[in-house]
All heavy atoms as atom14 arrays in JSON, in Angstrom:
{
  "sequence": "VRTDPDGFDAMIASVAACPTGRWGTGATEICETEAFPDEAIDWLLAI",
  "atom14_mask": [
    [1, 1, 1, 1, 1, 1, 1, 0, 0, 0, 0, 0, 0, 0],
    [1, 1, 1, 1, 1, 1, 1, 1, 1, 1, 1, 0, 0, 0],
    [1, 1, 1, 1, 1, 1, 1, 0, 0, 0, 0, 0, 0, 0],
    [1, 1, 1, 1, 1, 1, 1, 1, 0, 0, 0, 0, 0, 0],
    [1, 1, 1, 1, 1, 1, 1, 0, 0, 0, 0, 0, 0, 0],
    [1, 1, 1, 1, 1, 1, 1, 1, 0, 0, 0, 0, 0, 0],
    [1, 1, 1, 1, 0, 0, 0, 0, 0, 0, 0, 0, 0, 0],
    [1, 1, 1, 1, 1, 1, 1, 1, 1, 1, 1, 0, 0, 0],
    [1, 1, 1, 1, 1, 1, 1, 1, 0, 0, 0, 0, 0, 0],
    [1, 1, 1, 1, 1, 0, 0, 0, 0, 0, 0, 0, 0, 0],
    [1, 1, 1, 1, 1, 1, 1, 1, 0, 0, 0, 0, 0, 0],
    [1, 1, 1, 1, 1, 1, 1, 1, 0, 0, 0, 0, 0, 0],
    [1, 1, 1, 1, 1, 0, 0, 0, 0, 0, 0, 0, 0, 0],
    [1, 1, 1, 1, 1, 1, 0, 0, 0, 0, 0, 0, 0, 0],
    [1, 1, 1, 1, 1, 1, 1, 0, 0, 0, 0, 0, 0, 0],
    [1, 1, 1, 1, 1, 0, 0, 0, 0, 0, 0, 0, 0, 0],
    [1, 1, 1, 1, 1, 0, 0, 0, 0, 0, 0, 0, 0, 0],
    [1, 1, 1, 1, 1, 1, 0, 0, 0, 0, 0, 0, 0, 0],
    [1, 1, 1, 1, 1, 1, 1, 0, 0, 0, 0, 0, 0, 0],
    [1, 1, 1, 1, 1, 1, 1, 0, 0, 0, 0, 0, 0, 0],
    [1, 1, 1, 1, 0, 0, 0, 0, 0, 0, 0, 0, 0, 0],
    [1, 1, 1, 1, 1, 1, 1, 1, 1, 1, 1, 0, 0, 0],
    [1, 1, 1, 1, 1, 1, 1, 1, 1, 1, 1, 1, 1, 1],
    [1, 1, 1, 1, 0, 0, 0, 0, 0, 0, 0, 0, 0, 0],
    [1, 1, 1, 1, 1, 1, 1, 0, 0, 0, 0, 0, 0, 0],
    [1, 1, 1, 1, 0, 0, 0, 0, 0, 0, 0, 0, 0, 0],
    [1, 1, 1, 1, 1, 0, 0, 0, 0, 0, 0, 0, 0, 0],
    [1, 1, 1, 1, 1, 1, 1, 0, 0, 0, 0, 0, 0, 0],
    [1, 1, 1, 1, 1, 1, 1, 1, 1, 0, 0, 0, 0, 0],
    [1, 1, 1, 1, 1, 1, 1, 1, 0, 0, 0, 0, 0, 0],
    [1, 1, 1, 1, 1, 1, 0, 0, 0, 0, 0, 0, 0, 0],
    [1, 1, 1, 1, 1, 1, 1, 1, 1, 0, 0, 0, 0, 0],
    [1, 1, 1, 1, 1, 1, 1, 0, 0, 0, 0, 0, 0, 0],
    [1, 1, 1, 1, 1, 1, 1, 1, 1, 0, 0, 0, 0, 0],
    [1, 1, 1, 1, 1, 0, 0, 0, 0, 0, 0, 0, 0, 0],
    [1, 1, 1, 1, 1, 1, 1, 1, 1, 1, 1, 0, 0, 0],
    [1, 1, 1, 1, 1, 1, 1, 0, 0, 0, 0, 0, 0, 0],
    [1, 1, 1, 1, 1, 1, 1, 1, 0, 0, 0, 0, 0, 0],
    [1, 1, 1, 1, 1, 1, 1, 1, 1, 0, 0, 0, 0, 0],
    [1, 1, 1, 1, 1, 0, 0, 0, 0, 0, 0, 0, 0, 0],
    [1, 1, 1, 1, 1, 1, 1, 1, 0, 0, 0, 0, 0, 0],
    [1, 1, 1, 1, 1, 1, 1, 1, 0, 0, 0, 0, 0, 0],
    [1, 1, 1, 1, 1, 1, 1, 1, 1, 1, 1, 1, 1, 1],
    [1, 1, 1, 1, 1, 1, 1, 1, 0, 0, 0, 0, 0, 0],
    [1, 1, 1, 1, 1, 1, 1, 1, 0, 0, 0, 0, 0, 0],
    [1, 1, 1, 1, 1, 0, 0, 0, 0, 0, 0, 0, 0, 0],
    [1, 1, 1, 1, 1, 1, 1, 1, 0, 0, 0, 0, 0, 0]
  ],
  "atom14_positions": [
    [[-6.41, 1.4, 4.97], [-6.05, 0.9, 6.19], [-4.87, -0.12, 6.1], [-5.02, -1.06, 5.17], [-7.25, 0.05, 7.03], [-6.72, -0.58, 8.21], [-8.36, 0.95, 7.22], [0.0, 0.0, 0.0], [0.0, 0.0, 0.0], [0.0, 0.0, 0.0], [0.0, 0.0, 0.0], [0.0, 0.0, 0.0], [0.0, 0.0, 0.0], [0.0, 0.0, 0.0]],
    [[-3.77, 0.25, 6.52], [-2.52, -0.56, 6.29], [-2.58, -1.7, 7.28], [-2.29, -1.55, 8.46], [-1.39, 0.2, 6.48], [-1.4, 1.55, 5.5], [-0.84, 1.33, 4.22], [0.48, 0.8, 4.22], [1.73, 1.59, 4.24], [1.65, 2.91, 4.36], [2.82, 1.01, 4.24], [0.0, 0.0, 0.0], [0.0, 0.0, 0.0], [0.0, 0.0, 0.0]],
    [[-2.71, -2.97, 6.81], [-2.78, -3.99, 7.71], [-1.63, -4.91, 7.62], [-0.86, -4.82, 6.65], [-4.05, -4.95, 7.4], [-3.88, -5.33, 5.95], [-5.27, -4.21, 7.55], [0.0, 0.0, 0.0], [0.0, 0.0, 0.0], [0.0, 0.0, 0.0], [0.0, 0.0, 0.0], [0.0, 0.0, 0.0], [0.0, 0.0, 0.0], [0.0, 0.0, 0.0]],
    [[-1.26, -5.64, 8.7], [-0.17, -6.69, 8.59], [-0.62, -7.81, 7.76], [-1.68, -8.31, 7.75], [-0.09, -7.16, 10.13], [1.09, -7.98, 10.27], [1.55, -8.84, 9.45], [1.82, -7.94, 11.38], [0.0, 0.0, 0.0], [0.0, 0.0, 0.0], [0.0, 0.0, 0.0], [0.0, 0.0, 0.0], [0.0, 0.0, 0.0], [0.0, 0.0, 0.0]],
    [[0.32, -8.27, 6.96], [0.15, -9.47, 6.0], [-0.26, -10.69, 6.88], [-1.07, -11.56, 6.27], [1.47, -9.72, 5.32], [2.17, -8.6, 5.6], [1.7, -7.8, 6.73], [0.0, 0.0, 0.0], [0.0, 0.0, 0.0], [0.0, 0.0, 0.0], [0.0, 0.0, 0.0], [0.0, 0.0, 0.0], [0.0, 0.0, 0.0], [0.0, 0.0, 0.0]],
    [[0.01, -10.79, 8.04], [-0.3, -12.04, 8.84], [-1.57, -11.89, 9.64], [-1.82, -12.7, 10.48], [0.89, -12.38, 9.65], [2.2, -12.74, 8.97], [2.02, -13.24, 7.79], [3.19, -12.39, 9.4], [0.0, 0.0, 0.0], [0.0, 0.0, 0.0], [0.0, 0.0, 0.0], [0.0, 0.0, 0.0], [0.0, 0.0, 0.0], [0.0, 0.0, 0.0]],
    [[-2.21, -10.74, 9.53], [-3.36, -10.68, 10.37], [-3.92, -9.26, 10.19], [-3.6, -8.48, 9.34], [0.0, 0.0, 0.0], [0.0, 0.0, 0.0], [0.0, 0.0, 0.0], [0.0, 0.0, 0.0], [0.0, 0.0, 0.0], [0.0, 0.0, 0.0], [0.0, 0.0, 0.0], [0.0, 0.0, 0.0], [0.0, 0.0, 0.0], [0.0, 0.0, 0.0]],
    [[-4.92, -8.83, 11.04], [-5.51, -7.56, 10.93], [-5.08, -6.67, 12.05], [-5.95, -6.0, 12.68], [-7.16, -7.7, 10.81], [-7.68, -6.43, 10.31], [-7.75, -6.18, 8.91], [-8.29, -5.51, 11.16], [-8.37, -5.1, 8.43], [-8.88, -4.39, 10.64], [-8.97, -4.23, 9.19], [0.0, 0.0, 0.0], [0.0, 0.0, 0.0], [0.0, 0.0, 0.0]],
    [[-3.89, -6.47, 12.19], [-3.27, -5.62, 13.28], [-3.07, -4.23, 12.53], [-1.92, -3.95, 12.17], [-2.04, -6.06, 13.78], [-2.3, -7.39, 14.6], [-3.44, -7.52, 15.23], [-1.46, -8.22, 14.72], [0.0, 0.0, 0.0], [0.0, 0.0, 0.0], [0.0, 0.0, 0.0], [0.0, 0.0, 0.0], [0.0, 0.0, 0.0], [0.0, 0.0, 0.0]],
    [[-4.15, -3.42, 12.32], [-4.07, -2.24, 11.59], [-3.63, -0.96, 12.59], [-4.46, -0.84, 13.65], [-5.39, -1.9, 10.97], [0.0, 0.0, 0.0], [0.0, 0.0, 0.0], [0.0, 0.0, 0.0], [0.0, 0.0, 0.0], [0.0, 0.0, 0.0], [0.0, 0.0, 0.0], [0.0, 0.0, 0.0], [0.0, 0.0, 0.0], [0.0, 0.0, 0.0]],
    [[-2.54, -0.43, 12.36], [-2.21, 0.75, 13.22], [-1.95, 1.92, 12.44], [-1.73, 3.0, 13.04], [-0.84, 0.31, 14.03], [-1.01, -0.72, 15.03], [-2.26, -0.43, 16.3], [-1.55, 0.86, 17.31], [0.0, 0.0, 0.0], [0.0, 0.0, 0.0], [0.0, 0.0, 0.0], [0.0, 0.0, 0.0], [0.0, 0.0, 0.0], [0.0, 0.0, 0.0]],
    [[-1.74, 1.92, 11.2], [-1.52, 3.04, 10.41], [-2.42, 3.02, 9.16], [-2.94, 2.06, 8.65], [-0.14, 3.31, 9.86], [0.33, 1.9, 9.16], [0.87, 3.32, 11.03], [1.68, 1.92, 8.61], [0.0, 0.0, 0.0], [0.0, 0.0, 0.0], [0.0, 0.0, 0.0], [0.0, 0.0, 0.0], [0.0, 0.0, 0.0], [0.0, 0.0, 0.0]],
    [[-2.53, 4.18, 8.51], [-3.39, 4.24, 7.23], [-2.54, 5.22, 6.23], [-1.85, 6.13, 6.73], [-4.73, 4.83, 7.69], [0.0, 0.0, 0.0], [0.0, 0.0, 0.0], [0.0, 0.0, 0.0], [0.0, 0.0, 0.0], [0.0, 0.0, 0.0], [0.0, 0.0, 0.0], [0.0, 0.0, 0.0], [0.0, 0.0, 0.0], [0.0, 0.0, 0.0]],
    [[-3.02, 5.07, 5.03], [-2.57, 6.1, 4.06], [-3.86, 6.88, 3.73], [-4.95, 6.36, 3.55], [-2.33, 5.29, 2.74], [-1.17, 4.45, 2.83], [0.0, 0.0, 0.0], [0.0, 0.0, 0.0], [0.0, 0.0, 0.0], [0.0, 0.0, 0.0], [0.0, 0.0, 0.0], [0.0, 0.0, 0.0], [0.0, 0.0, 0.0], [0.0, 0.0, 0.0]],
    [[-3.66, 8.19, 3.6], [-4.74, 9.07, 3.49], [-4.46, 10.03, 2.24], [-3.36, 10.52, 2.01], [-5.09, 9.89, 4.69], [-5.67, 9.01, 5.8], [-3.93, 10.66, 5.28], [0.0, 0.0, 0.0], [0.0, 0.0, 0.0], [0.0, 0.0, 0.0], [0.0, 0.0, 0.0], [0.0, 0.0, 0.0], [0.0, 0.0, 0.0], [0.0, 0.0, 0.0]],
    [[-5.56, 10.37, 1.55], [-5.47, 11.23, 0.34], [-6.79, 12.02, 0.21], [-7.74, 11.57, 0.79], [-5.13, 10.47, -0.88], [0.0, 0.0, 0.0], [0.0, 0.0, 0.0], [0.0, 0.0, 0.0], [0.0, 0.0, 0.0], [0.0, 0.0, 0.0], [0.0, 0.0, 0.0], [0.0, 0.0, 0.0], [0.0, 0.0, 0.0], [0.0, 0.0, 0.0]],
    [[-6.71, 13.07, -0.63], [-8.04, 13.63, -0.91], [-8.07, 14.12, -2.45], [-7.04, 14.31, -3.09], [-8.12, 15.09, -0.11], [0.0, 0.0, 0.0], [0.0, 0.0, 0.0], [0.0, 0.0, 0.0], [0.0, 0.0, 0.0], [0.0, 0.0, 0.0], [0.0, 0.0, 0.0], [0.0, 0.0, 0.0], [0.0, 0.0, 0.0], [0.0, 0.0, 0.0]],
    [[-9.17, 14.37, -2.96], [-9.35, 14.62, -4.32], [-10.77, 15.22, -4.46], [-11.71, 14.9, -3.76], [-9.3, 13.46, -5.16], [-9.32, 13.7, -6.95], [0.0, 0.0, 0.0], [0.0, 0.0, 0.0], [0.0, 0.0, 0.0], [0.0, 0.0, 0.0], [0.0, 0.0, 0.0], [0.0, 0.0, 0.0], [0.0, 0.0, 0.0], [0.0, 0.0, 0.0]],
    [[-10.99, 16.2, -5.36], [-12.31, 16.68, -5.75], [-13.12, 15.35, -6.18], [-12.65, 14.53, -6.81], [-12.18, 17.56, -6.85], [-10.78, 18.17, -6.72], [-10.08, 16.94, -6.29], [0.0, 0.0, 0.0], [0.0, 0.0, 0.0], [0.0, 0.0, 0.0], [0.0, 0.0, 0.0], [0.0, 0.0, 0.0], [0.0, 0.0, 0.0], [0.0, 0.0, 0.0]],
    [[-14.38, 15.29, -5.65], [-15.24, 14.15, -5.78], [-15.35, 13.71, -7.35], [-15.57, 14.61, -8.2], [-16.68, 14.35, -5.21], [-16.46, 14.69, -3.84], [-17.47, 13.06, -5.5], [0.0, 0.0, 0.0], [0.0, 0.0, 0.0], [0.0, 0.0, 0.0], [0.0, 0.0, 0.0], [0.0, 0.0, 0.0], [0.0, 0.0, 0.0], [0.0, 0.0, 0.0]],
    [[-15.09, 12.5, -7.73], [-15.14, 12.07, -8.97], [-13.91, 12.26, -9.83], [-13.87, 12.0, -11.05], [0.0, 0.0, 0.0], [0.0, 0.0, 0.0], [0.0, 0.0, 0.0], [0.0, 0.0, 0.0], [0.0, 0.0, 0.0], [0.0, 0.0, 0.0], [0.0, 0.0, 0.0], [0.0, 0.0, 0.0], [0.0, 0.0, 0.0], [0.0, 0.0, 0.0]],
    [[-12.86, 12.75, -9.25], [-11.67, 13.18, -10.05], [-10.39, 12.46, -9.78], [-9.32, 12.85, -10.04], [-11.51, 14.73, -10.0], [-12.68, 15.44, -10.45], [-12.34, 16.89, -10.91], [-11.13, 17.15, -11.6], [-10.46, 18.16, -11.47], [-10.97, 19.2, -10.6], [-9.34, 18.42, -12.06], [0.0, 0.0, 0.0], [0.0, 0.0, 0.0], [0.0, 0.0, 0.0]],
    [[-10.56, 11.1, -9.19], [-9.46, 10.35, -8.9], [-8.7, 9.92, -10.25], [-9.43, 9.72, -11.22], [-9.91, 9.12, -8.26], [-10.32, 9.35, -6.74], [-11.78, 9.27, -6.36], [-9.72, 9.68, -5.71], [-11.75, 9.6, -5.17], [-10.54, 9.89, -4.58], [-8.41, 10.01, -5.34], [-10.25, 10.3, -3.36], [-7.85, 10.26, -4.1], [-8.93, 10.43, -3.09]],
    [[-7.49, 9.99, -10.26], [-6.75, 9.58, -11.41], [-6.55, 10.7, -12.48], [-6.02, 10.49, -13.53], [0.0, 0.0, 0.0], [0.0, 0.0, 0.0], [0.0, 0.0, 0.0], [0.0, 0.0, 0.0], [0.0, 0.0, 0.0], [0.0, 0.0, 0.0], [0.0, 0.0, 0.0], [0.0, 0.0, 0.0], [0.0, 0.0, 0.0], [0.0, 0.0, 0.0]],
    [[-6.91, 11.85, -12.09], [-6.74, 13.02, -13.04], [-5.57, 13.95, -12.72], [-5.53, 14.93, -13.33], [-8.08, 13.87, -13.03], [-8.31, 14.5, -11.72], [-9.17, 12.97, -13.44], [0.0, 0.0, 0.0], [0.0, 0.0, 0.0], [0.0, 0.0, 0.0], [0.0, 0.0, 0.0], [0.0, 0.0, 0.0], [0.0, 0.0, 0.0], [0.0, 0.0, 0.0]],
    [[-4.8, 13.62, -11.74], [-3.7, 14.54, -11.26], [-4.24, 15.46, -10.28], [-3.31, 16.23, -9.74], [0.0, 0.0, 0.0], [0.0, 0.0, 0.0], [0.0, 0.0, 0.0], [0.0, 0.0, 0.0], [0.0, 0.0, 0.0], [0.0, 0.0, 0.0], [0.0, 0.0, 0.0], [0.0, 0.0, 0.0], [0.0, 0.0, 0.0], [0.0, 0.0, 0.0]],
    [[-5.46, 15.36, -9.67], [-5.85, 16.33, -8.68], [-5.84, 15.72, -7.32], [-6.09, 16.47, -6.36], [-7.32, 16.73, -8.96], [0.0, 0.0, 0.0], [0.0, 0.0, 0.0], [0.0, 0.0, 0.0], [0.0, 0.0, 0.0], [0.0, 0.0, 0.0], [0.0, 0.0, 0.0], [0.0, 0.0, 0.0], [0.0, 0.0, 0.0], [0.0, 0.0, 0.0]],
    [[-5.19, 14.58, -7.2], [-5.1, 13.9, -5.88], [-4.13, 14.45, -4.97], [-2.95, 14.76, -5.47], [-4.92, 12.4, -5.95], [-5.89, 11.89, -6.84], [-4.69, 11.76, -4.65], [0.0, 0.0, 0.0], [0.0, 0.0, 0.0], [0.0, 0.0, 0.0], [0.0, 0.0, 0.0], [0.0, 0.0, 0.0], [0.0, 0.0, 0.0], [0.0, 0.0, 0.0]],
    [[-4.4, 14.79, -3.76], [-3.42, 15.26, -2.78], [-3.11, 14.07, -1.67], [-4.04, 13.61, -1.14], [-3.98, 16.38, -1.91], [-4.34, 17.69, -2.81], [-5.04, 18.63, -1.9], [-4.84, 18.75, -0.64], [-5.89, 19.32, -2.38], [0.0, 0.0, 0.0], [0.0, 0.0, 0.0], [0.0, 0.0, 0.0], [0.0, 0.0, 0.0], [0.0, 0.0, 0.0]],
    [[-1.9, 13.73, -1.7], [-1.44, 12.72, -0.77], [-1.05, 13.3, 0.55], [-0.21, 14.29, 0.57], [-0.17, 11.95, -1.3], [-0.45, 11.44, -2.77], [0.09, 10.78, -0.27], [-1.72, 10.31, -2.73], [0.0, 0.0, 0.0], [0.0, 0.0, 0.0], [0.0, 0.0, 0.0], [0.0, 0.0, 0.0], [0.0, 0.0, 0.0], [0.0, 0.0, 0.0]],
    [[-1.65, 12.9, 1.66], [-1.41, 13.41, 2.93], [-0.25, 12.68, 3.68], [0.79, 13.15, 3.81], [-2.62, 13.45, 3.83], [-2.29, 13.97, 5.58], [0.0, 0.0, 0.0], [0.0, 0.0, 0.0], [0.0, 0.0, 0.0], [0.0, 0.0, 0.0], [0.0, 0.0, 0.0], [0.0, 0.0, 0.0], [0.0, 0.0, 0.0], [0.0, 0.0, 0.0]],
    [[-0.66, 11.57, 3.98], [0.38, 10.62, 4.78], [0.29, 9.2, 4.22], [-0.75, 8.73, 3.8], [0.05, 10.52, 6.32], [0.16, 11.88, 7.09], [1.5, 12.14, 7.4], [2.38, 11.09, 7.43], [1.86, 13.24, 7.77], [0.0, 0.0, 0.0], [0.0, 0.0, 0.0], [0.0, 0.0, 0.0], [0.0, 0.0, 0.0], [0.0, 0.0, 0.0]],
    [[1.34, 8.5, 4.16], [1.37, 7.06, 3.85], [1.4, 6.23, 4.98], [1.16, 5.08, 4.9], [2.53, 6.74, 2.82], [3.75, 7.12, 3.48], [2.36, 7.47, 1.49], [0.0, 0.0, 0.0], [0.0, 0.0, 0.0], [0.0, 0.0, 0.0], [0.0, 0.0, 0.0], [0.0, 0.0, 0.0], [0.0, 0.0, 0.0], [0.0, 0.0, 0.0]],
    [[1.74, 6.9, 6.12], [1.74, 6.05, 7.54], [1.12, 6.97, 8.57], [1.82, 7.22, 9.49], [3.13, 5.75, 7.75], [3.82, 4.63, 6.74], [5.09, 4.16, 7.23], [5.82, 4.63, 8.22], [5.74, 3.24, 6.4], [0.0, 0.0, 0.0], [0.0, 0.0, 0.0], [0.0, 0.0, 0.0], [0.0, 0.0, 0.0], [0.0, 0.0, 0.0]],
    [[-0.04, 7.24, 8.39], [-0.81, 8.12, 9.41], [-1.22, 7.23, 10.64], [-1.79, 6.22, 10.32], [-1.93, 8.92, 8.8], [0.0, 0.0, 0.0], [0.0, 0.0, 0.0], [0.0, 0.0, 0.0], [0.0, 0.0, 0.0], [0.0, 0.0, 0.0], [0.0, 0.0, 0.0], [0.0, 0.0, 0.0], [0.0, 0.0, 0.0], [0.0, 0.0, 0.0]],
    [[-1.11, 7.75, 11.76], [-1.7, 7.02, 12.99], [-3.12, 7.26, 12.92], [-3.63, 8.29, 12.27], [-0.97, 7.48, 14.15], [0.37, 7.0, 14.29], [1.42, 7.82, 14.08], [0.63, 5.56, 14.56], [2.75, 7.39, 14.21], [1.99, 5.18, 14.64], [2.98, 6.0, 14.41], [0.0, 0.0, 0.0], [0.0, 0.0, 0.0], [0.0, 0.0, 0.0]],
    [[-4.05, 6.64, 13.77], [-5.35, 6.84, 13.78], [-5.86, 8.33, 13.98], [-6.69, 8.77, 13.24], [-5.89, 5.83, 14.87], [-5.02, 4.84, 14.82], [-3.63, 5.51, 14.57], [0.0, 0.0, 0.0], [0.0, 0.0, 0.0], [0.0, 0.0, 0.0], [0.0, 0.0, 0.0], [0.0, 0.0, 0.0], [0.0, 0.0, 0.0], [0.0, 0.0, 0.0]],
    [[-5.2, 9.04, 14.92], [-5.7, 10.34, 15.21], [-5.34, 11.34, 14.03], [-6.06, 12.27, 13.66], [-5.06, 10.76, 16.56], [-3.49, 10.69, 16.7], [-2.9, 9.89, 15.94], [-2.92, 11.54, 17.39], [0.0, 0.0, 0.0], [0.0, 0.0, 0.0], [0.0, 0.0, 0.0], [0.0, 0.0, 0.0], [0.0, 0.0, 0.0], [0.0, 0.0, 0.0]],
    [[-4.21, 11.05, 13.37], [-3.87, 11.8, 12.25], [-4.89, 11.65, 11.12], [-5.11, 12.54, 10.37], [-2.41, 11.46, 11.75], [-1.26, 11.79, 12.77], [-0.05, 11.17, 12.36], [0.05, 10.0, 11.89], [0.93, 12.06, 12.6], [0.0, 0.0, 0.0], [0.0, 0.0, 0.0], [0.0, 0.0, 0.0], [0.0, 0.0, 0.0], [0.0, 0.0, 0.0]],
    [[-5.22, 10.3, 10.93], [-6.19, 10.1, 9.93], [-7.49, 10.76, 9.99], [-8.05, 11.32, 9.11], [-6.38, 8.56, 9.68], [0.0, 0.0, 0.0], [0.0, 0.0, 0.0], [0.0, 0.0, 0.0], [0.0, 0.0, 0.0], [0.0, 0.0, 0.0], [0.0, 0.0, 0.0], [0.0, 0.0, 0.0], [0.0, 0.0, 0.0], [0.0, 0.0, 0.0]],
    [[-8.01, 10.72, 11.28], [-9.14, 11.43, 11.7], [-9.08, 12.92, 11.5], [-9.95, 13.61, 10.97], [-9.73, 10.99, 13.06], [-9.98, 9.53, 13.25], [-10.84, 11.88, 13.55], [-11.04, 8.97, 12.25], [0.0, 0.0, 0.0], [0.0, 0.0, 0.0], [0.0, 0.0, 0.0], [0.0, 0.0, 0.0], [0.0, 0.0, 0.0], [0.0, 0.0, 0.0]],
    [[-8.02, 13.47, 11.92], [-7.78, 15.03, 11.81], [-7.77, 15.3, 10.26], [-8.31, 16.34, 9.92], [-6.43, 15.36, 12.32], [-6.56, 15.38, 13.89], [-7.63, 15.28, 14.53], [-5.36, 15.39, 14.45], [0.0, 0.0, 0.0], [0.0, 0.0, 0.0], [0.0, 0.0, 0.0], [0.0, 0.0, 0.0], [0.0, 0.0, 0.0], [0.0, 0.0, 0.0]],
    [[-7.27, 14.51, 9.29], [-7.15, 14.67, 8.04], [-8.58, 14.65, 7.45], [-8.98, 15.44, 6.62], [-6.39, 13.61, 7.35], [-6.32, 13.66, 5.78], [-7.05, 12.82, 4.93], [-5.74, 14.61, 4.98], [-6.66, 13.04, 3.58], [-5.92, 14.17, 3.59], [-4.92, 15.72, 5.23], [-5.58, 15.01, 2.51], [-4.54, 16.46, 4.19], [-4.77, 16.08, 2.82]],
    [[-9.4, 13.76, 7.81], [-10.73, 13.66, 7.36], [-11.58, 15.03, 7.81], [-12.23, 15.59, 7.02], [-11.52, 12.49, 8.08], [-11.41, 11.08, 7.44], [-12.14, 9.99, 8.23], [-11.83, 11.02, 6.01], [0.0, 0.0, 0.0], [0.0, 0.0, 0.0], [0.0, 0.0, 0.0], [0.0, 0.0, 0.0], [0.0, 0.0, 0.0], [0.0, 0.0, 0.0]],
    [[-11.46, 15.41, 8.99], [-12.08, 16.65, 9.5], [-11.69, 17.85, 8.7], [-12.3, 18.7, 8.16], [-11.82, 16.86, 11.01], [-12.37, 18.14, 11.49], [-14.06, 18.08, 11.37], [-12.02, 18.17, 13.07], [0.0, 0.0, 0.0], [0.0, 0.0, 0.0], [0.0, 0.0, 0.0], [0.0, 0.0, 0.0], [0.0, 0.0, 0.0], [0.0, 0.0, 0.0]],
    [[-10.25, 17.81, 8.35], [-9.8, 19.03, 7.57], [-10.41, 19.1, 6.1], [-10.7, 20.07, 5.66], [-8.26, 19.0, 7.48], [0.0, 0.0, 0.0], [0.0, 0.0, 0.0], [0.0, 0.0, 0.0], [0.0, 0.0, 0.0], [0.0, 0.0, 0.0], [0.0, 0.0, 0.0], [0.0, 0.0, 0.0], [0.0, 0.0, 0.0], [0.0, 0.0, 0.0]],
    [[-10.43, 17.85, 5.61], [-11.23, 17.76, 4.11], [-12.68, 18.12, 4.36], [-13.13, 18.96, 3.45], [-10.97, 16.47, 3.55], [-9.49, 16.17, 3.35], [-11.65, 16.31, 2.26], [-8.69, 17.13, 2.65], [0.0, 0.0, 0.0], [0.0, 0.0, 0.0], [0.0, 0.0, 0.0], [0.0, 0.0, 0.0], [0.0, 0.0, 0.0], [0.0, 0.0, 0.0]]
  ]
}
């Protein structure tokens, strides 16, 4: 969740996917670095 440094006004998120337990092995897929809430939820559903 990408928050504002001056508060918790979160409007965007960074999202990624990886086979479970394999973070940091080169298997990570980056989706968005500035996804809006509906895009982040769609990404979760797709994974």
